[in-house]
């Protein structure tokens, strides 16, 4: 019988998209755009957290 691993919570800051590529505006000598990669500071580029993220919105009133 297979063992099932419970799913890890997705990072609330990056919504599971932990690494993005940003163009610098410069071009390489062969004409391609220069890019840099940026990782989510909360999950360090994994896309998951060990603890659930705090809710971004709270309900006010009844």
PDB file of N, CA and C in Angstrom:
ATOM      1  N   UNK A   1       0.837  -1.169   0.000  1.00  0.00           N
ATOM      2  CA  UNK A   1       0.000   0.000   0.000  1.00  0.00           C
ATOM      3  C   UNK A   1       0.893   1.248   0.000  1.00  0.00           C
ATOM      4  N   UNK A   2       0.673   2.197  -0.898  1.00  0.00           N
ATOM      5  CA  UNK A   2       1.553   3.358  -0.985  1.00  0.00           C
ATOM      6  C   UNK A   2       1.365   4.307   0.198  1.00  0.00           C
ATOM      7  N   UNK A   3       2.454   4.951   0.555  1.00  0.00           N
ATOM      8  CA  UNK A   3       2.426   5.971   1.600  1.00  0.00           C
ATOM      9  C   UNK A   3       2.169   7.322   0.943  1.00  0.00           C
ATOM     10  N   UNK A   4       1.215   8.051   1.468  1.00  0.00           N
ATOM     11  CA  UNK A   4       0.892   9.354   0.908  1.00  0.00           C
ATOM     12  C   UNK A   4       1.506  10.456   1.763  1.00  0.00           C
ATOM     13  N   UNK A   5       2.142  11.396   1.118  1.00  0.00           N
ATOM     14  CA  UNK A   5       2.725  12.535   1.807  1.00  0.00           C
ATOM     15  C   UNK A   5       1.732  13.676   1.766  1.00  0.00           C
ATOM     16  N   UNK A   6       1.433  14.304   2.916  1.00  0.00           N
ATOM     17  CA  UNK A   6       0.493  15.420   2.893  1.00  0.00           C
ATOM     18  C   UNK A   6       1.091  16.603   2.121  1.00  0.00           C
ATOM     19  N   UNK A   7       0.278  17.316   1.376  1.00  0.00           N
ATOM     20  CA  UNK A   7       0.798  18.443   0.596  1.00  0.00           C
ATOM     21  C   UNK A   7       1.309  19.545   1.515  1.00  0.00           C
ATOM     22  N   UNK A   8       2.410  20.158   1.114  1.00  0.00           N
ATOM     23  CA  UNK A   8       2.965  21.267   1.876  1.00  0.00           C
ATOM     24  C   UNK A   8       2.233  22.543   1.497  1.00  0.00           C
ATOM     25  N   UNK A   9       2.059  23.463   2.449  1.00  0.00           N
ATOM     26  CA  UNK A   9       1.355  24.704   2.133  1.00  0.00           C
ATOM     27  C   UNK A   9       2.147  25.559   1.139  1.00  0.00           C
ATOM     28  N   UNK A  10       1.425  26.164   0.213  1.00  0.00           N
ATOM     29  CA  UNK A  10       2.044  27.041  -0.778  1.00  0.00           C
ATOM     30  C   UNK A  10       2.373  28.381  -0.127  1.00  0.00           C
ATOM     31  N   UNK A  11       3.473  28.956  -0.499  1.00  0.00           N
ATOM     32  CA  UNK A  11       3.917  30.242   0.055  1.00  0.00           C
ATOM     33  C   UNK A  11       2.867  31.317  -0.227  1.00  0.00           C
ATOM     34  N   UNK A  12       2.473  32.037   0.800  1.00  0.00           N
ATOM     35  CA  UNK A  12       1.463  33.075   0.657  1.00  0.00           C
ATOM     36  C   UNK A  12       1.981  34.358   0.049  1.00  0.00           C
ATOM     37  N   UNK A  13       3.294  34.503  -0.026  1.00  0.00           N
ATOM     38  CA  UNK A  13       3.872  35.727  -0.574  1.00  0.00           C
ATOM     39  C   UNK A  13       4.030  35.653  -2.086  1.00  0.00           C
ATOM     40  N   UNK A  14       4.401  34.477  -2.590  1.00  0.00           N
ATOM     41  CA  UNK A  14       4.630  34.353  -4.031  1.00  0.00           C
ATOM     42  C   UNK A  14       3.584  33.477  -4.711  1.00  0.00           C
ATOM     43  N   UNK A  15       2.652  32.907  -3.956  1.00  0.00           N
ATOM     44  CA  UNK A  15       1.591  32.040  -4.476  1.00  0.00           C
ATOM     45  C   UNK A  15       2.127  30.851  -5.274  1.00  0.00           C
ATOM     46  N   UNK A  16       3.286  30.354  -4.900  1.00  0.00           N
ATOM     47  CA  UNK A  16       3.834  29.180  -5.557  1.00  0.00           C
ATOM     48  C   UNK A  16       4.662  29.479  -6.791  1.00  0.00           C
ATOM     49  N   UNK A  17       4.913  30.753  -7.082  1.00  0.00           N
ATOM     50  CA  UNK A  17       5.794  31.140  -8.192  1.00  0.00           C
ATOM     51  C   UNK A  17       7.029  31.784  -7.572  1.00  0.00           C
ATOM     52  N   UNK A  18       7.965  30.969  -7.070  1.00  0.00           N
ATOM     53  CA  UNK A  18       9.041  31.484  -6.236  1.00  0.00           C
ATOM     54  C   UNK A  18      10.188  32.181  -6.950  1.00  0.00           C
ATOM     55  N   UNK A  19      10.374  31.915  -8.224  1.00  0.00           N
ATOM     56  CA  UNK A  19      11.493  32.512  -8.951  1.00  0.00           C
ATOM     57  C   UNK A  19      10.977  33.216 -10.195  1.00  0.00           C
ATOM     58  N   UNK A  20      11.426  34.443 -10.381  1.00  0.00           N
ATOM     59  CA  UNK A  20      11.043  35.198 -11.570  1.00  0.00           C
ATOM     60  C   UNK A  20      12.305  35.656 -12.290  1.00  0.00           C
ATOM     61  N   UNK A  21      12.187  35.901 -13.566  1.00  0.00           N
ATOM     62  CA  UNK A  21      13.288  36.422 -14.361  1.00  0.00           C
ATOM     63  C   UNK A  21      12.934  37.823 -14.804  1.00  0.00           C
ATOM     64  N   UNK A  22      13.852  38.752 -14.563  1.00  0.00           N
ATOM     65  CA  UNK A  22      13.619  40.162 -14.847  1.00  0.00           C
ATOM     66  C   UNK A  22      14.650  40.630 -15.861  1.00  0.00           C
ATOM     67  N   UNK A  23      14.203  41.380 -16.866  1.00  0.00           N
ATOM     68  CA  UNK A  23      15.160  41.927 -17.827  1.00  0.00           C
ATOM     69  C   UNK A  23      15.785  43.180 -17.233  1.00  0.00           C
ATOM     70  N   UNK A  24      17.071  43.381 -17.523  1.00  0.00           N
ATOM     71  CA  UNK A  24      17.790  44.535 -16.989  1.00  0.00           C
ATOM     72  C   UNK A  24      17.693  45.745 -17.911  1.00  0.00           C
ATOM     73  N   UNK A  25      17.255  45.548 -19.125  1.00  0.00           N
ATOM     74  CA  UNK A  25      17.194  46.638 -20.087  1.00  0.00           C
ATOM     75  C   UNK A  25      18.426  46.699 -20.978  1.00  0.00           C
ATOM     76  N   UNK A  26      19.439  45.917 -20.648  1.00  0.00           N
ATOM     77  CA  UNK A  26      20.667  45.878 -21.447  1.00  0.00           C
ATOM     78  C   UNK A  26      20.613  44.705 -22.410  1.00  0.00           C
ATOM     79  N   UNK A  27      21.484  44.735 -23.392  1.00  0.00           N
ATOM     80  CA  UNK A  27      21.593  43.642 -24.352  1.00  0.00           C
ATOM     81  C   UNK A  27      23.011  43.085 -24.332  1.00  0.00           C
ATOM     82  N   UNK A  28      23.101  41.778 -24.597  1.00  0.00           N
ATOM     83  CA  UNK A  28      24.401  41.137 -24.689  1.00  0.00           C
ATOM     84  C   UNK A  28      25.009  41.483 -26.046  1.00  0.00           C
ATOM     85  N   UNK A  29      26.304  41.212 -26.232  1.00  0.00           N
ATOM     86  CA  UNK A  29      26.925  41.510 -27.525  1.00  0.00           C
ATOM     87  C   UNK A  29      26.261  40.804 -28.717  1.00  0.00           C
ATOM     88  N   UNK A  30      25.617  39.670 -28.482  1.00  0.00           N
ATOM     89  CA  UNK A  30      24.953  38.979 -29.595  1.00  0.00           C
ATOM     90  C   UNK A  30      23.494  39.400 -29.756  1.00  0.00           C
ATOM     91  N   UNK A  31      23.029  40.404 -28.987  1.00  0.00           N
ATOM     92  CA  UNK A  31      21.706  40.967 -29.196  1.00  0.00           C
ATOM     93  C   UNK A  31      20.612  40.455 -28.280  1.00  0.00           C
ATOM     94  N   UNK A  32      20.917  39.487 -27.437  1.00  0.00           N
ATOM     95  CA  UNK A  32      19.893  38.977 -26.526  1.00  0.00           C
ATOM     96  C   UNK A  32      19.776  39.891 -25.306  1.00  0.00           C
ATOM     97  N   UNK A  33      18.622  39.836 -24.643  1.00  0.00           N
ATOM     98  CA  UNK A  33      18.422  40.658 -23.456  1.00  0.00           C
ATOM     99  C   UNK A  33      19.102  40.028 -22.248  1.00  0.00           C
ATOM    100  N   UNK A  34      19.702  40.882 -21.408  1.00  0.00           N
ATOM    101  CA  UNK A  34      20.280  40.395 -20.171  1.00  0.00           C
ATOM    102  C   UNK A  34      19.170  40.247 -19.146  1.00  0.00           C
ATOM    103  N   UNK A  35      19.196  39.133 -18.420  1.00  0.00           N
ATOM    104  CA  UNK A  35      18.180  38.881 -17.403  1.00  0.00           C
ATOM    105  C   UNK A  35      18.844  38.506 -16.084  1.00  0.00           C
ATOM    106  N   UNK A  36      18.106  38.724 -15.003  1.00  0.00           N
ATOM    107  CA  UNK A  36      18.531  38.267 -13.688  1.00  0.00           C
ATOM    108  C   UNK A  36      17.379  37.488 -13.069  1.00  0.00           C
ATOM    109  N   UNK A  37      17.690  36.576 -12.174  1.00  0.00           N
ATOM    110  CA  UNK A  37      16.659  35.812 -11.482  1.00  0.00           C
ATOM    111  C   UNK A  37      16.509  36.350 -10.066  1.00  0.00           C
ATOM    112  N   UNK A  38      15.267  36.390  -9.599  1.00  0.00           N
ATOM    113  CA  UNK A  38      14.981  36.843  -8.241  1.00  0.00           C
ATOM    114  C   UNK A  38      14.131  35.788  -7.547  1.00  0.00           C
ATOM    115  N   UNK A  39      14.543  35.403  -6.353  1.00  0.00           N
ATOM    116  CA  UNK A  39      13.815  34.416  -5.561  1.00  0.00           C
ATOM    117  C   UNK A  39      12.953  35.113  -4.521  1.00  0.00           C
ATOM    118  N   UNK A  40      11.855  34.472  -4.148  1.00  0.00           N
ATOM    119  CA  UNK A  40      10.967  34.965  -3.104  1.00  0.00           C
ATOM    120  C   UNK A  40      11.745  35.011  -1.784  1.00  0.00           C
ATOM    121  N   UNK A  41      11.742  36.140  -1.088  1.00  0.00           N
ATOM    122  CA  UNK A  41      12.492  36.217   0.167  1.00  0.00           C
ATOM    123  C   UNK A  41      11.856  35.411   1.300  1.00  0.00           C
ATOM    124  N   UNK A  42      10.566  35.119   1.202  1.00  0.00           N
ATOM    125  CA  UNK A  42       9.891  34.395   2.281  1.00  0.00           C
ATOM    126  C   UNK A  42      10.184  32.895   2.233  1.00  0.00           C
ATOM    127  N   UNK A  43      10.129  32.295   1.044  1.00  0.00           N
ATOM    128  CA  UNK A  43      10.327  30.841   0.936  1.00  0.00           C
ATOM    129  C   UNK A  43      11.688  30.484   0.356  1.00  0.00           C
ATOM    130  N   UNK A  44      12.497  31.460   0.001  1.00  0.00           N
ATOM    131  CA  UNK A  44      13.847  31.253  -0.541  1.00  0.00           C
ATOM    132  C   UNK A  44      13.843  30.443  -1.826  1.00  0.00           C
ATOM    133  N   UNK A  45      12.811  30.648  -2.644  1.00  0.00           N
ATOM    134  CA  UNK A  45      12.771  30.009  -3.948  1.00  0.00           C
ATOM    135  C   UNK A  45      12.232  28.603  -3.974  1.00  0.00           C
ATOM    136  N   UNK A  46      11.605  28.136  -2.897  1.00  0.00           N
ATOM    137  CA  UNK A  46      11.066  26.779  -2.904  1.00  0.00           C
ATOM    138  C   UNK A  46       9.596  26.748  -3.318  1.00  0.00           C
ATOM    139  N   UNK A  47       8.857  27.829  -3.055  1.00  0.00           N
ATOM    140  CA  UNK A  47       7.440  27.859  -3.391  1.00  0.00           C
ATOM    141  C   UNK A  47       6.537  27.318  -2.303  1.00  0.00           C
ATOM    142  N   UNK A  48       7.132  26.784  -1.239  1.00  0.00           N
ATOM    143  CA  UNK A  48       6.371  26.203  -0.136  1.00  0.00           C
ATOM    144  C   UNK A  48       6.858  26.780   1.186  1.00  0.00           C
ATOM    145  N   UNK A  49       5.987  26.734   2.175  1.00  0.00           N
ATOM    146  CA  UNK A  49       6.363  27.151   3.514  1.00  0.00           C
ATOM    147  C   UNK A  49       6.174  25.993   4.475  1.00  0.00           C
ATOM    148  N   UNK A  50       6.814  26.075   5.618  1.00  0.00           N
ATOM    149  CA  UNK A  50       6.644  25.047   6.631  1.00  0.00           C
ATOM    150  C   UNK A  50       5.458  25.367   7.530  1.00  0.00           C
ATOM    151  N   UNK A  51       5.110  26.640   7.610  1.00  0.00           N
ATOM    152  CA  UNK A  51       3.946  27.050   8.390  1.00  0.00           C
ATOM    153  C   UNK A  51       2.996  27.809   7.481  1.00  0.00           C
ATOM    154  N   UNK A  52       1.696  27.756   7.728  1.00  0.00           N
ATOM    155  CA  UNK A  52       0.756  28.496   6.896  1.00  0.00           C
ATOM    156  C   UNK A  52       1.015  30.004   6.977  1.00  0.00           C
ATOM    157  N   UNK A  53       0.920  30.672   5.849  1.00  0.00           N
ATOM    158  CA  UNK A  53       1.129  32.115   5.806  1.00  0.00           C
ATOM    159  C   UNK A  53      -0.042  32.831   6.449  1.00  0.00           C
ATOM    160  N   UNK A  54       0.228  34.016   6.972  1.00  0.00           N
ATOM    161  CA  UNK A  54      -0.837  34.808   7.564  1.00  0.00           C
ATOM    162  C   UNK A  54      -1.791  35.276   6.473  1.00  0.00           C
ATOM    163  N   UNK A  55      -3.046  35.422   6.818  1.00  0.00           N
ATOM    164  CA  UNK A  55      -4.025  35.860   5.833  1.00  0.00           C
ATOM    165  C   UNK A  55      -3.753  37.309   5.445  1.00  0.00           C
ATOM    166  N   UNK A  56      -3.864  37.588   4.174  1.00  0.00           N
ATOM    167  CA  UNK A  56      -3.607  38.931   3.684  1.00  0.00           C
ATOM    168  C   UNK A  56      -4.742  39.882   4.001  1.00  0.00           C
ATOM    169  N   UNK A  57      -5.958  39.380   4.059  1.00  0.00           N
ATOM    170  CA  UNK A  57      -7.119  40.228   4.308  1.00  0.00           C
ATOM    171  C   UNK A  57      -7.852  39.735   5.545  1.00  0.00           C
ATOM    172  N   UNK A  58      -8.323  40.666   6.321  1.00  0.00           N
ATOM    173  CA  UNK A  58      -9.129  40.276   7.469  1.00  0.00           C
ATOM    174  C   UNK A  58     -10.508  40.909   7.342  1.00  0.00           C
ATOM    175  N   UNK A  59     -11.482  40.235   7.890  1.00  0.00           N
ATOM    176  CA  UNK A  59     -12.846  40.718   7.801  1.00  0.00           C
ATOM    177  C   UNK A  59     -13.129  41.685   8.942  1.00  0.00           C
ATOM    178  N   UNK A  60     -13.678  42.833   8.603  1.00  0.00           N
ATOM    179  CA  UNK A  60     -14.006  43.841   9.595  1.00  0.00           C
ATOM    180  C   UNK A  60     -15.521  43.931   9.700  1.00  0.00           C
ATOM    181  N   UNK A  61     -16.037  43.891  10.930  1.00  0.00           N
ATOM    182  CA  UNK A  61     -17.487  43.999  11.105  1.00  0.00           C
ATOM    183  C   UNK A  61     -18.146  42.629  11.089  1.00  0.00           C
ATOM    184  N   UNK A  62     -19.461  42.669  10.994  1.00  0.00           N
ATOM    185  CA  UNK A  62     -20.218  41.410  11.070  1.00  0.00           C
ATOM    186  C   UNK A  62     -20.491  40.820   9.739  1.00  0.00           C
TER     187      UNK A  62
END
